[in-house]
Amino acid sequence: MRYFLDENLHPHAAVLAQASGLDAASSHSANRNGCSDADQLQFAVEHGRCFVTRDYADFHRLTVERQRAGLPHVGVLMVPPSLPNHQPHLIAEALVRYNHAHPDGMPAYMIDYLIPPAG
């Protein structure tokens, strides 16, 4: 699976995920900070990337809108507060675990959550 991390996530999380072998890009590395949520999601879709964000309300709404309109969607992964931004390695590790647990990717319009490490 390919990932696109929202600007509300620490840019180093994508770098660490890449170092672990994931195909991860970020809004920061793509020079897309400041784009609207709809534009960010469209960019992820166009590049076949699951969108990773903390912004549940907006991306839940956008996912429902895209589904109703029959527009493409590659999935959204939510980063919970238990994976803090000041610890990007935890976000990257959660992405790696998620990727291993879902080798076939996500169905279109699915919203799921990253899980923090146990303990």
Protein backbone atom coordinates (compact mmCIF):
# COMPACT_ATOMS: atom_id res chain seq x y z
CA MET A 1 0.00 0.00 0.00
CA ARG A 2 1.12 3.56 -0.67
CA TYR A 3 0.60 6.38 1.86
CA PHE A 4 0.25 10.16 1.79
CA LEU A 5 0.60 11.88 5.16
CA ASP A 6 -1.32 15.07 5.89
CA GLU A 7 0.47 18.26 6.86
CA ASN A 8 -0.91 17.90 10.40
CA LEU A 9 1.55 15.03 10.92
CA HIS A 10 5.23 15.45 11.66
CA PRO A 11 7.12 15.26 8.32
CA HIS A 12 9.71 12.93 9.84
CA ALA A 13 7.02 10.23 10.24
CA ALA A 14 7.02 9.75 6.44
CA VAL A 15 10.82 9.70 6.33
CA LEU A 16 10.95 7.03 9.03
CA ALA A 17 8.23 5.00 7.29
CA GLN A 18 10.24 5.16 4.05
CA ALA A 19 13.36 3.98 5.90
CA SER A 20 11.31 0.96 7.01
CA GLY A 21 10.47 0.14 3.41
CA LEU A 22 7.06 1.78 3.02
CA ASP A 23 6.05 3.88 0.05
CA ALA A 24 5.18 6.97 2.09
CA ALA A 25 5.08 10.59 1.02
CA SER A 26 3.99 13.64 2.94
CA SER A 27 2.30 16.92 2.22
CA HIS A 28 5.56 18.51 3.35
CA SER A 29 7.75 16.63 0.85
CA ALA A 30 5.23 17.18 -1.97
CA ASN A 31 5.09 20.95 -1.25
CA ARG A 32 1.32 20.72 -0.70
CA ASN A 33 1.01 22.34 2.73
CA GLY A 34 -1.85 24.81 2.81
CA CYS A 35 -3.97 23.01 0.21
CA SER A 36 -7.59 22.36 1.07
CA ASP A 37 -8.54 19.00 2.57
CA ALA A 38 -10.48 18.14 -0.60
CA ASP A 39 -7.44 18.93 -2.74
CA GLN A 40 -5.17 16.87 -0.47
CA LEU A 41 -7.50 13.88 -0.70
CA GLN A 42 -7.79 14.27 -4.48
CA PHE A 43 -3.98 14.34 -4.75
CA ALA A 44 -3.75 11.12 -2.71
CA VAL A 45 -6.38 9.47 -4.90
CA GLU A 46 -4.65 10.54 -8.11
CA HIS A 47 -1.42 8.99 -6.85
CA GLY A 48 -3.05 5.81 -5.51
CA ARG A 49 -2.18 6.63 -1.91
CA CYS A 50 -4.09 6.01 1.28
CA PHE A 51 -4.49 9.36 3.07
CA VAL A 52 -3.14 9.49 6.66
CA THR A 53 -4.39 12.26 8.94
CA ARG A 54 -5.59 13.30 12.39
CA ASP A 55 -8.53 15.24 10.97
CA TYR A 56 -11.40 12.79 11.43
CA ALA A 57 -14.34 15.16 10.97
CA ASP A 58 -13.28 16.64 7.63
CA PHE A 59 -12.04 13.41 6.08
CA HIS A 60 -15.06 11.43 7.22
CA ARG A 61 -17.25 14.03 5.51
CA LEU A 62 -15.09 14.04 2.36
CA THR A 63 -15.12 10.24 2.22
CA VAL A 64 -18.93 10.15 2.42
CA GLU A 65 -19.19 12.88 -0.24
CA ARG A 66 -16.85 11.01 -2.60
CA GLN A 67 -18.75 7.75 -2.08
CA ARG A 68 -22.13 9.39 -2.77
CA ALA A 69 -20.73 11.02 -5.91
CA GLY A 70 -19.09 7.78 -7.07
CA LEU A 71 -15.65 9.41 -7.08
CA PRO A 72 -12.54 7.27 -6.56
CA HIS A 73 -11.10 6.84 -3.08
CA VAL A 74 -8.19 4.79 -1.74
CA GLY A 75 -8.91 4.81 1.99
CA VAL A 76 -8.17 7.06 4.94
CA LEU A 77 -6.13 6.15 8.01
CA MET A 78 -6.69 8.15 11.17
CA VAL A 79 -3.87 8.85 13.59
CA PRO A 80 -5.26 8.93 17.15
CA PRO A 81 -3.98 11.24 19.90
CA SER A 82 -2.28 8.22 21.48
CA LEU A 83 0.28 8.52 18.64
CA PRO A 84 1.65 11.99 19.44
CA ASN A 85 3.19 14.21 16.77
CA HIS A 86 6.33 14.83 18.83
CA GLN A 87 7.10 11.09 18.50
CA PRO A 88 7.03 10.53 14.72
CA HIS A 89 8.75 7.17 15.13
CA LEU A 90 5.57 5.84 16.79
CA ILE A 91 3.46 6.96 13.82
CA ALA A 92 5.92 5.35 11.41
CA GLU A 93 5.96 2.12 13.42
CA ALA A 94 2.15 2.06 13.47
CA LEU A 95 2.11 2.53 9.69
CA VAL A 96 4.53 -0.37 9.24
CA ARG A 97 2.39 -2.61 11.47
CA TYR A 98 -0.75 -1.58 9.60
CA ASN A 99 0.89 -2.24 6.25
CA HIS A 100 1.96 -5.74 7.34
CA ALA A 101 -1.52 -6.51 8.70
CA HIS A 102 -3.21 -5.34 5.47
CA PRO A 103 -1.11 -6.66 2.58
CA ASP A 104 -4.01 -6.25 0.15
CA GLY A 105 -4.56 -2.60 1.08
CA MET A 106 -7.82 -0.94 2.04
CA PRO A 107 -11.15 -1.07 0.26
CA ALA A 108 -12.29 2.18 -1.31
CA TYR A 109 -14.09 4.53 1.10
CA MET A 110 -12.74 2.70 4.17
CA ILE A 111 -11.70 4.73 7.20
CA ASP A 112 -9.53 2.93 9.73
CA TYR A 113 -7.30 3.84 12.68
CA LEU A 114 -3.65 3.31 13.36
CA ILE A 115 -3.04 1.51 16.63
CA PRO A 116 -0.37 2.65 19.07
CA PRO A 117 2.19 0.10 20.26
CA ALA A 118 1.15 -2.09 23.15
CA GLY A 119 2.48 -1.33 26.56
